[in-house]
Amino acid sequence: MKKTKCLNQEEIASFCSQLALLLPAGITPYEAIILIHEDTPDVKGKKILEQLKTALKNGLSFHEALQSTSVFPEYVLSMVLLGEESGNLDLVIKKLADYYEQQCSISTSIKNALTYPIVMICLMLTILIVLLTRILPIFNLVFLQLGSELTGVAAQLMTLGNLIESASSILIIFFILIGIASLIVYCVPSMRKLFLHFIHTNRLTRNFFLGIAYARFASAMSMITASGINLFRGLALTKMLVGNEIVSEKINQCNDAIASGDYLYEAMKKAGIFQAKHLRMLQLGQRSGEIDTVFTKISAYYEDETITRMQRILSAIEPTLVIFFSLLVGLILLSVIMPLIGIMSSIG
């Protein structure tokens, strides 16, 4: 039996946002689904909403109806169930909408920041390959017709170009193998887990992914504390979202500390979650009953810090790449043009 693919973050955010507008007005989930169905042009979306309508009409709870479609992640199902049990379904849906909109924002920012450097690297590499494999041989023919030949750096670069051209089939196979390996890592859970473990623990990338995990953790905790959900159950749910082994282990330590009688901020301090200033904010938030607001501010801080750190790194990489490739192209052209000018001067 083919496994049904879960909705992506953008689709879940859109669905929850529409529900969040309707449920607080006293509209039942069944009526809300009917209204959303009428305004949905997407065929896939209409099919899912039809399933929800049928399930709700047959007397299933909203949680059971969502579960029957097999397209919603476990976190959404658990939060909706807790919302129904606590009588705060409209609040939970609103928090889910905010959470998934925030995650979409983070993902979009990361993709946009990485797109330009990747495109630039590919373009520069293409220009270099064309220079080495197509332009230099033409200059070499000109030199031969003038009774000379390429020497020094130019000769070595043309040899490199000939090597690249002769090994083009091997290079194509190599890139195909890289693509296949990437697909295996993406599709095979055990391989994906090993890859994630590497990038989450590697010194160069650890802090970046730690910031993303903290932003997700704080956002989820804001929703959980605002919804009145049991703290132990809430921490178990956050482990499903952070997607980071280091933070997941810290959540386990935090859970154990709370079970021993510590307050939430004390448990987080022992587990090493968040900075000291944020723990102080949580302490004050817990005393004032505004801890969900504090978690929201912490989440925004880590989200902004992560994006700023990434943009700072990329802002340093981009000019470095431009300078490096420009110098390399300039070196190639000068290694050919300067001897050519010398030959033309001697002929003249």
Protein backbone atom coordinates (compact mmCIF):
# COMPACT_ATOMS: atom_id res chain seq x y z
CA MET A 1 0.00 0.00 0.00
CA LYS A 2 1.38 3.41 -0.99
CA LYS A 3 2.12 5.72 1.91
CA THR A 4 0.25 9.03 1.77
CA LYS A 5 2.51 12.07 1.71
CA CYS A 6 1.99 14.55 4.53
CA LEU A 7 1.09 18.15 3.81
CA ASN A 8 3.99 20.57 3.78
CA GLN A 9 4.40 23.45 6.23
CA GLU A 10 2.90 26.03 3.86
CA GLU A 11 -0.23 23.93 3.26
CA ILE A 12 -0.71 23.29 6.99
CA ALA A 13 -0.22 26.99 7.76
CA SER A 14 -2.86 27.94 5.16
CA PHE A 15 -5.34 25.35 6.47
CA CYS A 16 -4.88 26.35 10.12
CA SER A 17 -5.04 30.07 9.30
CA GLN A 18 -8.42 29.65 7.64
CA LEU A 19 -9.72 27.60 10.56
CA ALA A 20 -8.35 30.18 13.01
CA LEU A 21 -10.56 32.82 11.38
CA LEU A 22 -13.72 30.70 11.56
CA LEU A 23 -13.64 28.76 14.84
CA PRO A 24 -13.52 31.79 17.22
CA ALA A 25 -16.74 33.05 15.57
CA GLY A 26 -18.64 30.06 16.96
CA ILE A 27 -18.53 28.05 13.72
CA THR A 28 -18.15 24.30 14.24
CA PRO A 29 -15.26 22.41 12.61
CA TYR A 30 -17.73 20.72 10.24
CA GLU A 31 -19.20 24.05 9.08
CA ALA A 32 -15.70 25.53 8.82
CA ILE A 33 -14.53 22.68 6.57
CA ILE A 34 -17.57 23.21 4.31
CA LEU A 35 -16.76 26.91 3.98
CA ILE A 36 -13.06 26.26 3.29
CA HIS A 37 -14.00 23.58 0.74
CA GLU A 38 -16.11 26.10 -1.20
CA ASP A 39 -13.18 28.53 -1.50
CA THR A 40 -10.48 25.96 -2.32
CA PRO A 41 -9.55 25.76 -6.04
CA ASP A 42 -6.87 23.09 -5.58
CA VAL A 43 -7.95 19.56 -6.56
CA LYS A 44 -5.75 17.89 -3.96
CA GLY A 45 -7.05 20.24 -1.25
CA LYS A 46 -10.68 19.62 -2.22
CA LYS A 47 -10.15 15.86 -1.98
CA ILE A 48 -8.71 16.14 1.54
CA LEU A 49 -11.52 18.47 2.62
CA GLU A 50 -14.08 16.04 1.20
CA GLN A 51 -12.56 13.32 3.39
CA LEU A 52 -12.77 15.61 6.41
CA LYS A 53 -16.40 16.50 5.68
CA THR A 54 -17.36 12.84 5.38
CA ALA A 55 -15.52 11.88 8.57
CA LEU A 56 -17.07 14.72 10.60
CA LYS A 57 -20.51 13.99 9.18
CA ASN A 58 -20.14 10.38 10.33
CA GLY A 59 -19.66 11.55 13.89
CA LEU A 60 -15.87 11.48 14.26
CA SER A 61 -14.17 14.12 16.36
CA PHE A 62 -12.06 16.73 14.59
CA HIS A 63 -8.88 14.98 15.72
CA GLU A 64 -10.14 11.63 14.40
CA ALA A 65 -11.21 13.25 11.14
CA LEU A 66 -7.75 14.77 10.61
CA GLN A 67 -6.13 11.44 11.47
CA SER A 68 -8.30 9.58 8.93
CA THR A 69 -6.83 11.61 6.04
CA SER A 70 -3.25 10.47 6.86
CA VAL A 71 -1.84 13.78 5.56
CA PHE A 72 -1.36 15.68 8.83
CA PRO A 73 1.82 15.26 10.92
CA GLU A 74 1.65 13.71 14.38
CA TYR A 75 2.32 17.04 16.03
CA VAL A 76 -0.81 18.64 14.53
CA LEU A 77 -2.91 15.62 15.50
CA SER A 78 -1.62 15.64 19.08
CA MET A 79 -2.17 19.38 19.49
CA VAL A 80 -5.72 19.20 18.11
CA LEU A 81 -6.50 16.30 20.44
CA LEU A 82 -5.21 18.27 23.41
CA GLY A 83 -7.19 21.30 22.24
CA GLU A 84 -10.39 19.27 22.16
CA GLU A 85 -9.69 17.74 25.56
CA SER A 86 -8.98 21.13 27.17
CA GLY A 87 -11.78 22.99 25.36
CA ASN A 88 -9.27 25.34 23.72
CA LEU A 89 -9.46 24.08 20.13
CA ASP A 90 -9.76 27.57 18.62
CA LEU A 91 -6.72 28.78 20.58
CA VAL A 92 -4.68 25.70 19.62
CA ILE A 93 -5.56 26.13 15.93
CA LYS A 94 -4.49 29.79 16.10
CA LYS A 95 -1.19 28.82 17.72
CA LEU A 96 -0.65 26.10 15.10
CA ALA A 97 -1.25 28.64 12.34
CA ASP A 98 1.28 31.04 13.90
CA TYR A 99 3.81 28.25 14.40
CA TYR A 100 3.68 26.92 10.84
CA GLU A 101 3.68 30.43 9.35
CA GLN A 102 6.83 31.11 11.36
CA GLN A 103 8.45 27.90 10.11
CA CYS A 104 7.57 28.81 6.52
CA SER A 105 9.18 32.20 7.06
CA ILE A 106 12.39 30.60 8.36
CA SER A 107 12.53 28.09 5.48
CA THR A 108 11.90 30.80 2.87
CA SER A 109 14.59 33.06 4.35
CA ILE A 110 17.15 30.24 4.29
CA LYS A 111 16.29 29.26 0.70
CA ASN A 112 16.44 32.85 -0.53
CA ALA A 113 19.77 33.46 1.19
CA LEU A 114 21.36 30.33 -0.31
CA THR A 115 20.01 30.66 -3.85
CA TYR A 116 22.25 33.51 -5.04
CA PRO A 117 25.62 32.04 -3.93
CA ILE A 118 24.75 28.64 -5.40
CA VAL A 119 23.69 30.16 -8.74
CA MET A 120 26.82 32.34 -8.79
CA ILE A 121 29.13 29.38 -8.10
CA CYS A 122 27.50 27.33 -10.88
CA LEU A 123 27.76 30.24 -13.32
CA MET A 124 31.41 30.93 -12.52
CA LEU A 125 32.33 27.25 -12.81
CA THR A 126 30.59 27.11 -16.19
CA ILE A 127 32.57 30.15 -17.41
CA LEU A 128 35.85 28.61 -16.22
CA ILE A 129 35.13 25.27 -17.90
CA VAL A 130 34.27 27.04 -21.17
CA LEU A 131 37.51 29.06 -20.96
CA LEU A 132 39.63 26.00 -20.28
CA THR A 133 38.03 23.62 -22.78
CA ARG A 134 36.96 25.94 -25.63
CA ILE A 135 38.73 29.31 -25.55
CA LEU A 136 42.29 28.24 -24.68
CA PRO A 137 42.49 25.68 -27.54
CA ILE A 138 41.54 28.48 -29.96
CA PHE A 139 44.34 30.67 -28.63
CA ASN A 140 46.70 27.70 -28.90
CA LEU A 141 45.86 27.37 -32.61
CA VAL A 142 46.61 31.07 -33.07
CA PHE A 143 49.98 30.63 -31.36
CA LEU A 144 50.79 27.60 -33.55
CA GLN A 145 49.96 29.56 -36.70
CA LEU A 146 52.33 32.28 -35.49
CA GLY A 147 55.11 29.73 -35.01
CA SER A 148 54.90 29.53 -31.24
CA GLU A 149 52.91 27.71 -28.59
CA LEU A 150 51.36 28.28 -25.18
CA THR A 151 53.84 28.09 -22.32
CA GLY A 152 53.89 28.42 -18.56
CA VAL A 153 50.59 28.88 -16.76
CA ALA A 154 48.60 29.00 -20.01
CA ALA A 155 49.96 25.62 -21.12
CA GLN A 156 49.20 24.05 -17.75
CA LEU A 157 45.67 25.46 -17.80
CA MET A 158 45.07 24.13 -21.32
CA THR A 159 46.31 20.71 -20.18
CA LEU A 160 43.79 20.92 -17.34
CA GLY A 161 41.07 21.85 -19.85
CA ASN A 162 41.98 18.87 -22.07
CA LEU A 163 41.87 16.62 -19.01
CA ILE A 164 38.42 17.93 -18.06
CA GLU A 165 37.13 17.42 -21.60
CA SER A 166 38.55 13.90 -21.91
CA ALA A 167 37.13 12.99 -18.50
CA SER A 168 33.74 14.62 -19.14
CA SER A 169 31.92 11.29 -19.19
CA ILE A 170 33.54 10.32 -15.88
CA LEU A 171 32.59 13.68 -14.38
CA ILE A 172 28.99 13.28 -15.54
CA ILE A 173 28.87 9.82 -13.94
CA PHE A 174 30.40 11.30 -10.78
CA PHE A 175 27.72 13.99 -10.52
CA ILE A 176 25.01 11.42 -11.23
CA LEU A 177 26.37 9.28 -8.39
CA ILE A 178 26.33 12.32 -6.10
CA GLY A 179 22.70 12.90 -7.06
CA ILE A 180 21.83 9.27 -6.37
CA ALA A 181 23.65 9.38 -3.03
CA SER A 182 21.76 12.56 -2.10
CA LEU A 183 18.48 10.89 -3.02
CA ILE A 184 19.36 7.85 -0.89
CA VAL A 185 20.24 10.08 2.07
CA TYR A 186 16.92 11.93 1.65
CA CYS A 187 14.75 8.82 1.23
CA VAL A 188 16.38 6.30 3.61
CA PRO A 189 15.61 7.23 7.25
CA SER A 190 18.79 5.68 8.67
CA MET A 191 21.03 7.51 6.17
CA ARG A 192 19.15 10.77 6.69
CA LYS A 193 19.59 10.38 10.45
CA LEU A 194 23.35 9.94 10.04
CA PHE A 195 23.57 13.01 7.80
CA LEU A 196 21.54 15.13 10.23
CA HIS A 197 23.68 13.91 13.12
CA PHE A 198 26.78 15.07 11.24
CA ILE A 199 25.55 18.59 10.40
CA HIS A 200 24.03 19.04 13.87
CA THR A 201 27.25 18.10 15.68
CA ASN A 202 29.83 19.47 13.24
CA ARG A 203 31.62 22.51 14.67
CA LEU A 204 31.07 24.61 11.55
CA THR A 205 27.30 24.07 11.31
CA ARG A 206 26.29 23.18 14.88
CA ASN A 207 25.45 26.70 16.12
CA PHE A 208 23.36 27.49 13.06
CA PHE A 209 21.12 24.44 13.43
CA LEU A 210 21.05 24.87 17.20
CA GLY A 211 19.55 28.33 16.69
CA ILE A 212 16.86 26.92 14.40
CA ALA A 213 16.04 24.19 16.95
CA TYR A 214 15.80 26.73 19.79
CA ALA A 215 13.46 28.91 17.69
CA ARG A 216 11.22 25.89 17.04
CA PHE A 217 11.34 24.81 20.68
CA ALA A 218 10.41 28.26 21.99
CA SER A 219 7.61 28.66 19.44
CA ALA A 220 6.14 25.27 20.37
CA MET A 221 6.44 25.99 24.09
CA SER A 222 4.62 29.29 23.60
CA MET A 223 1.71 27.41 22.05
CA ILE A 224 1.77 24.69 24.70
CA THR A 225 1.87 27.03 27.71
CA ALA A 226 -0.86 29.26 26.23
CA SER A 227 -3.10 26.25 25.63
CA GLY A 228 -2.87 24.98 29.21
CA ILE A 229 -1.42 21.63 28.12
CA ASN A 230 0.31 19.41 30.66
CA LEU A 231 3.99 20.36 30.73
CA PHE A 232 5.31 16.79 30.48
CA ARG A 233 3.06 16.11 27.50
CA GLY A 234 4.10 19.42 25.98
CA LEU A 235 7.81 18.69 26.28
CA ALA A 236 7.25 15.30 24.65
CA LEU A 237 5.54 17.05 21.75
CA THR A 238 8.33 19.60 21.32
CA LYS A 239 10.83 16.77 20.82
CA MET A 240 8.90 15.87 17.67
CA LEU A 241 9.46 19.36 16.27
CA VAL A 242 12.98 20.50 17.07
CA GLY A 243 14.64 17.99 14.72
CA ASN A 244 17.94 18.28 16.56
CA GLU A 245 19.59 15.54 18.63
CA ILE A 246 21.41 17.95 20.93
CA VAL A 247 18.25 19.89 21.82
CA SER A 248 16.22 16.67 22.12
CA GLU A 249 18.68 15.40 24.74
CA LYS A 250 18.43 18.73 26.59
CA ILE A 251 14.64 18.41 26.57
CA ASN A 252 14.99 14.97 28.19
CA GLN A 253 17.20 16.49 30.90
CA CYS A 254 14.70 19.31 31.38
CA ASN A 255 11.87 16.79 31.72
CA ASP A 256 13.81 14.87 34.39
CA ALA A 257 14.53 18.08 36.33
CA ILE A 258 10.84 19.07 36.31
CA ALA A 259 9.93 15.58 37.51
CA SER A 260 12.33 16.16 40.41
CA GLY A 261 10.38 19.28 41.43
CA ASP A 262 12.17 22.12 39.62
CA TYR A 263 10.36 25.03 38.00
CA LEU A 264 10.46 25.19 34.21
CA TYR A 265 13.12 27.90 34.00
CA GLU A 266 15.25 26.09 36.61
CA ALA A 267 15.00 22.85 34.63
CA MET A 268 15.99 24.66 31.44
CA LYS A 269 18.97 26.23 33.21
CA LYS A 270 20.19 22.81 34.37
CA ALA A 271 19.71 21.39 30.86
CA GLY A 272 21.57 24.31 29.26
CA ILE A 273 18.63 25.47 27.16
CA PHE A 274 18.69 29.17 26.15
CA GLN A 275 20.94 32.00 27.29
CA ALA A 276 20.98 33.39 30.83
CA LYS A 277 19.01 36.51 29.86
CA HIS A 278 16.26 34.37 28.35
CA LEU A 279 16.09 32.18 31.44
CA ARG A 280 15.68 35.33 33.53
CA MET A 281 12.86 36.43 31.22
CA LEU A 282 11.20 33.02 31.67
CA GLN A 283 11.49 33.31 35.42
CA LEU A 284 9.73 36.69 35.37
CA GLY A 285 7.21 35.43 32.82
CA GLN A 286 6.31 32.43 34.95
CA ARG A 287 5.74 34.66 37.98
CA SER A 288 3.57 37.10 36.03
CA GLY A 289 1.62 34.44 34.13
CA GLU A 290 2.95 35.67 30.75
CA ILE A 291 5.32 32.81 30.03
CA ASP A 292 3.77 32.10 26.61
CA THR A 293 4.51 35.70 25.55
CA VAL A 294 8.09 35.33 26.76
CA PHE A 295 8.52 32.12 24.74
CA THR A 296 7.22 33.94 21.66
CA LYS A 297 9.82 36.71 22.13
CA ILE A 298 12.59 34.14 22.62
CA SER A 299 11.54 32.31 19.48
CA ALA A 300 11.62 35.57 17.49
CA TYR A 301 15.09 36.33 18.91
CA TYR A 302 16.58 32.99 17.85
CA GLU A 303 14.88 33.15 14.46
CA ASP A 304 16.29 36.63 13.78
CA GLU A 305 19.71 35.69 15.15
CA THR A 306 19.90 32.58 12.98
CA ILE A 307 18.93 34.43 9.82
CA THR A 308 21.31 37.31 10.65
CA ARG A 309 24.20 34.88 11.26
CA MET A 310 23.51 33.14 7.95
CA GLN A 311 23.29 36.44 6.06
CA ARG A 312 26.53 37.63 7.69
CA ILE A 313 28.35 34.49 6.57
CA LEU A 314 26.92 34.72 3.07
CA SER A 315 27.75 38.43 2.83
CA ALA A 316 31.38 37.48 3.43
CA ILE A 317 31.30 34.50 1.06
CA GLU A 318 29.75 36.33 -1.91
CA PRO A 319 32.46 38.99 -2.46
CA THR A 320 35.15 36.39 -1.72
CA LEU A 321 33.79 34.17 -4.49
CA VAL A 322 33.54 37.09 -6.91
CA ILE A 323 37.13 38.19 -6.21
CA PHE A 324 38.48 34.62 -6.43
CA PHE A 325 36.79 33.76 -9.73
CA SER A 326 37.55 37.21 -11.20
CA LEU A 327 41.25 36.81 -10.41
CA LEU A 328 41.25 33.30 -11.83
CA VAL A 329 39.60 34.40 -15.08
CA GLY A 330 41.93 37.39 -15.26
CA LEU A 331 44.95 35.13 -14.75
CA ILE A 332 43.82 32.84 -17.57
CA LEU A 333 43.30 35.72 -19.99
CA LEU A 334 46.56 37.49 -19.08
CA SER A 335 48.55 34.25 -19.41
CA VAL A 336 47.39 34.10 -23.02
CA ILE A 337 47.10 37.74 -24.07
CA MET A 338 50.48 38.97 -22.77
CA PRO A 339 52.56 36.43 -24.77
CA LEU A 340 50.33 37.08 -27.78
CA ILE A 341 51.01 40.81 -27.54
CA GLY A 342 54.75 40.07 -27.35
CA ILE A 343 54.61 37.92 -30.49
CA MET A 344 52.57 40.51 -32.42
CA SER A 345 55.05 43.24 -31.39
CA SER A 346 58.01 41.20 -32.63
CA ILE A 347 56.27 40.50 -35.93
CA GLY A 348 55.45 44.19 -36.35
